[in-house]
Amino acid sequence: MAQIKIYGLSTHLDTIKPTLSDVIHACVVETLKFPKEKRFHRFFPMKREDFYFPKDRSDAYTIIEVMMLEGRSKETKKNLIKMLFTQIESQLSIAPNDVEIVITEAPAHCFGFRGMCADEIALEYKVEV
């Protein structure tokens, strides 16, 4: 399980949502070995007056928050972050300086979906990668 939130200025984010979602999902599938049909993305386009960020960032400034079940190795998480920076820059021309990524993890008993706690569900993919 990985839930992803993407924040940015609406004037920029609204124009790239489908492509950015595809890029993020491809990175998650490759690095986390996530099933291709499992995509959980939520976009938060913001008005300029509601989104404060440093002056050395452009209007393309984007924050990506990944919340997932704990169990992935340190290297796997670092690979995901590095791949996101690389692919977002190459496919969307957003400089790494304009992207911030945070990964947070929670124990399976703190996730609920399909009417159960995640530690009670047999997942069709491996979390420990």
C-alpha atoms as a PDB file:
ATOM      1  CA  MET A   1       0.000   0.000   0.000  1.00  0.00           C
ATOM      2  CA  ALA A   2       1.262   3.442  -0.941  1.00  0.00           C
ATOM      3  CA  GLN A   3      -0.832   6.599  -0.902  1.00  0.00           C
ATOM      4  CA  ILE A   4       0.668   9.562  -2.746  1.00  0.00           C
ATOM      5  CA  LYS A   5      -0.227  13.236  -2.371  1.00  0.00           C
ATOM      6  CA  ILE A   6       1.044  15.827  -4.842  1.00  0.00           C
ATOM      7  CA  TYR A   7       0.957  19.555  -4.066  1.00  0.00           C
ATOM      8  CA  GLY A   8       1.706  22.453  -6.383  1.00  0.00           C
ATOM      9  CA  LEU A   9       0.426  25.692  -7.841  1.00  0.00           C
ATOM     10  CA  SER A  10      -2.829  25.017  -9.693  1.00  0.00           C
ATOM     11  CA  THR A  11      -1.619  26.990 -12.706  1.00  0.00           C
ATOM     12  CA  HIS A  12       1.203  24.481 -13.172  1.00  0.00           C
ATOM     13  CA  LEU A  13      -0.081  21.282 -11.600  1.00  0.00           C
ATOM     14  CA  ASP A  14      -3.381  21.234 -13.488  1.00  0.00           C
ATOM     15  CA  THR A  15      -1.521  21.158 -16.827  1.00  0.00           C
ATOM     16  CA  ILE A  16       0.692  18.173 -15.949  1.00  0.00           C
ATOM     17  CA  LYS A  17      -1.459  15.944 -13.696  1.00  0.00           C
ATOM     18  CA  PRO A  18      -1.894  12.947 -16.032  1.00  0.00           C
ATOM     19  CA  THR A  19       1.759  12.870 -17.078  1.00  0.00           C
ATOM     20  CA  LEU A  20       3.063  13.421 -13.556  1.00  0.00           C
ATOM     21  CA  SER A  21       0.810  10.646 -12.256  1.00  0.00           C
ATOM     22  CA  ASP A  22       2.141   8.299 -14.953  1.00  0.00           C
ATOM     23  CA  VAL A  23       5.755   9.186 -14.095  1.00  0.00           C
ATOM     24  CA  ILE A  24       5.249   8.722 -10.361  1.00  0.00           C
ATOM     25  CA  HIS A  25       3.400   5.448 -10.872  1.00  0.00           C
ATOM     26  CA  ALA A  26       6.091   4.039 -13.168  1.00  0.00           C
ATOM     27  CA  CYS A  27       8.730   4.843 -10.532  1.00  0.00           C
ATOM     28  CA  VAL A  28       6.667   3.204  -7.772  1.00  0.00           C
ATOM     29  CA  VAL A  29       6.038   0.098  -9.876  1.00  0.00           C
ATOM     30  CA  GLU A  30       9.717  -0.261 -10.731  1.00  0.00           C
ATOM     31  CA  THR A  31      11.311   0.491  -7.373  1.00  0.00           C
ATOM     32  CA  LEU A  32       8.686  -0.819  -4.943  1.00  0.00           C
ATOM     33  CA  LYS A  33       7.621  -3.726  -7.202  1.00  0.00           C
ATOM     34  CA  PHE A  34       4.089  -2.407  -6.897  1.00  0.00           C
ATOM     35  CA  PRO A  35       1.321  -3.964  -9.026  1.00  0.00           C
ATOM     36  CA  LYS A  36       0.606  -1.823 -12.114  1.00  0.00           C
ATOM     37  CA  GLU A  37      -3.125  -1.696 -11.370  1.00  0.00           C
ATOM     38  CA  LYS A  38      -2.560  -0.206  -7.875  1.00  0.00           C
ATOM     39  CA  ARG A  39      -2.439   3.568  -8.298  1.00  0.00           C
ATOM     40  CA  PHE A  40      -3.408   5.791  -5.368  1.00  0.00           C
ATOM     41  CA  HIS A  41      -2.635   9.441  -6.236  1.00  0.00           C
ATOM     42  CA  ARG A  42      -4.309  12.569  -4.951  1.00  0.00           C
ATOM     43  CA  PHE A  43      -3.527  15.990  -6.389  1.00  0.00           C
ATOM     44  CA  PHE A  44      -3.790  19.202  -4.411  1.00  0.00           C
ATOM     45  CA  PRO A  45      -3.609  22.136  -6.834  1.00  0.00           C
ATOM     46  CA  MET A  46      -3.247  25.293  -4.802  1.00  0.00           C
ATOM     47  CA  LYS A  47      -3.853  28.983  -5.302  1.00  0.00           C
ATOM     48  CA  ARG A  48      -0.737  31.117  -5.123  1.00  0.00           C
ATOM     49  CA  GLU A  49      -1.997  32.802  -1.947  1.00  0.00           C
ATOM     50  CA  ASP A  50      -2.276  29.393  -0.250  1.00  0.00           C
ATOM     51  CA  PHE A  51       1.108  27.974  -1.235  1.00  0.00           C
ATOM     52  CA  TYR A  52       4.187  29.634   0.226  1.00  0.00           C
ATOM     53  CA  PHE A  53       7.617  28.458  -0.857  1.00  0.00           C
ATOM     54  CA  PRO A  54      11.172  29.839  -1.068  1.00  0.00           C
ATOM     55  CA  LYS A  55      12.040  32.438  -3.693  1.00  0.00           C
ATOM     56  CA  ASP A  56      14.669  30.140  -5.220  1.00  0.00           C
ATOM     57  CA  ARG A  57      11.889  27.800  -6.442  1.00  0.00           C
ATOM     58  CA  SER A  58       9.890  28.351  -9.616  1.00  0.00           C
ATOM     59  CA  ASP A  59       6.158  28.070 -10.247  1.00  0.00           C
ATOM     60  CA  ALA A  60       6.831  24.386 -11.013  1.00  0.00           C
ATOM     61  CA  TYR A  61       7.640  23.763  -7.326  1.00  0.00           C
ATOM     62  CA  THR A  62       6.035  20.440  -6.420  1.00  0.00           C
ATOM     63  CA  ILE A  63       5.825  18.506  -3.163  1.00  0.00           C
ATOM     64  CA  ILE A  64       5.318  14.737  -3.289  1.00  0.00           C
ATOM     65  CA  GLU A  65       4.346  12.883  -0.110  1.00  0.00           C
ATOM     66  CA  VAL A  66       4.462   9.089  -0.156  1.00  0.00           C
ATOM     67  CA  MET A  67       2.759   7.263   2.729  1.00  0.00           C
ATOM     68  CA  MET A  68       3.328   3.515   2.662  1.00  0.00           C
ATOM     69  CA  LEU A  69       3.417   0.362   4.714  1.00  0.00           C
ATOM     70  CA  GLU A  70       6.716  -0.072   6.493  1.00  0.00           C
ATOM     71  CA  GLY A  71       9.043  -2.810   5.338  1.00  0.00           C
ATOM     72  CA  ARG A  72      10.970  -1.463   2.352  1.00  0.00           C
ATOM     73  CA  SER A  73      14.727  -1.250   2.698  1.00  0.00           C
ATOM     74  CA  LYS A  74      16.591   2.037   3.029  1.00  0.00           C
ATOM     75  CA  GLU A  75      18.108   1.479  -0.425  1.00  0.00           C
ATOM     76  CA  THR A  76      14.702   0.854  -2.008  1.00  0.00           C
ATOM     77  CA  LYS A  77      13.351   4.117  -0.588  1.00  0.00           C
ATOM     78  CA  LYS A  78      16.442   6.045  -1.708  1.00  0.00           C
ATOM     79  CA  ASN A  79      16.139   4.510  -5.182  1.00  0.00           C
ATOM     80  CA  LEU A  80      12.518   5.653  -5.379  1.00  0.00           C
ATOM     81  CA  ILE A  81      13.475   9.217  -4.456  1.00  0.00           C
ATOM     82  CA  LYS A  82      16.367   9.313  -6.934  1.00  0.00           C
ATOM     83  CA  MET A  83      14.259   7.830  -9.727  1.00  0.00           C
ATOM     84  CA  LEU A  84      11.488  10.352  -9.103  1.00  0.00           C
ATOM     85  CA  PHE A  85      13.941  13.259  -9.378  1.00  0.00           C
ATOM     86  CA  THR A  86      15.446  11.843 -12.576  1.00  0.00           C
ATOM     87  CA  GLN A  87      12.205  10.919 -14.316  1.00  0.00           C
ATOM     88  CA  ILE A  88      10.333  14.087 -13.369  1.00  0.00           C
ATOM     89  CA  GLU A  89      13.185  16.153 -14.750  1.00  0.00           C
ATOM     90  CA  SER A  90      13.560  14.130 -17.950  1.00  0.00           C
ATOM     91  CA  GLN A  91       9.852  13.715 -18.728  1.00  0.00           C
ATOM     92  CA  LEU A  92       8.391  16.970 -17.380  1.00  0.00           C
ATOM     93  CA  SER A  93      11.405  19.325 -17.398  1.00  0.00           C
ATOM     94  CA  ILE A  94      10.946  20.119 -13.719  1.00  0.00           C
ATOM     95  CA  ALA A  95      14.328  20.776 -12.130  1.00  0.00           C
ATOM     96  CA  PRO A  96      15.215  18.731  -9.035  1.00  0.00           C
ATOM     97  CA  ASN A  97      15.443  22.028  -7.125  1.00  0.00           C
ATOM     98  CA  ASP A  98      11.692  22.394  -7.706  1.00  0.00           C
ATOM     99  CA  VAL A  99      10.753  18.968  -6.336  1.00  0.00           C
ATOM    100  CA  GLU A 100      10.585  17.888  -2.711  1.00  0.00           C
ATOM    101  CA  ILE A 101       9.792  14.319  -1.755  1.00  0.00           C
ATOM    102  CA  VAL A 102       9.029  12.828   1.634  1.00  0.00           C
ATOM    103  CA  ILE A 103       8.370   9.188   2.415  1.00  0.00           C
ATOM    104  CA  THR A 104       6.601   8.265   5.614  1.00  0.00           C
ATOM    105  CA  GLU A 105       5.855   4.746   6.733  1.00  0.00           C
ATOM    106  CA  ALA A 106       3.297   3.203   9.030  1.00  0.00           C
ATOM    107  CA  PRO A 107       2.991  -0.280  10.491  1.00  0.00           C
ATOM    108  CA  ALA A 108       0.451  -2.499   8.733  1.00  0.00           C
ATOM    109  CA  HIS A 109      -1.884  -2.372  11.738  1.00  0.00           C
ATOM    110  CA  CYS A 110      -2.168   1.407  11.184  1.00  0.00           C
ATOM    111  CA  PHE A 111      -3.473   1.058   7.602  1.00  0.00           C
ATOM    112  CA  GLY A 112      -7.066   0.139   6.849  1.00  0.00           C
ATOM    113  CA  PHE A 113      -8.484  -0.832   3.472  1.00  0.00           C
ATOM    114  CA  ARG A 114     -10.973  -3.319   2.027  1.00  0.00           C
ATOM    115  CA  GLY A 115     -12.723  -3.254   5.397  1.00  0.00           C
ATOM    116  CA  MET A 116      -9.761  -4.631   7.361  1.00  0.00           C
ATOM    117  CA  CYS A 117      -6.433  -3.654   8.863  1.00  0.00           C
ATOM    118  CA  ALA A 118      -3.528  -4.227   6.487  1.00  0.00           C
ATOM    119  CA  ASP A 119      -1.887  -6.719   8.844  1.00  0.00           C
ATOM    120  CA  GLU A 120      -4.981  -8.932   8.403  1.00  0.00           C
ATOM    121  CA  ILE A 121      -4.936  -8.843   4.584  1.00  0.00           C
ATOM    122  CA  ALA A 122      -2.964 -11.152   2.299  1.00  0.00           C
ATOM    123  CA  LEU A 123      -1.437  -8.731  -0.196  1.00  0.00           C
ATOM    124  CA  GLU A 124      -0.752  -9.859  -3.752  1.00  0.00           C
ATOM    125  CA  TYR A 125       2.621  -8.106  -3.719  1.00  0.00           C
ATOM    126  CA  LYS A 126       5.670  -8.148  -1.484  1.00  0.00           C
ATOM    127  CA  VAL A 127       6.322  -5.197   0.821  1.00  0.00           C
ATOM    128  CA  GLU A 128       9.832  -6.208   1.911  1.00  0.00           C
ATOM    129  CA  VAL A 129      11.802  -5.092  -1.149  1.00  0.00           C
END
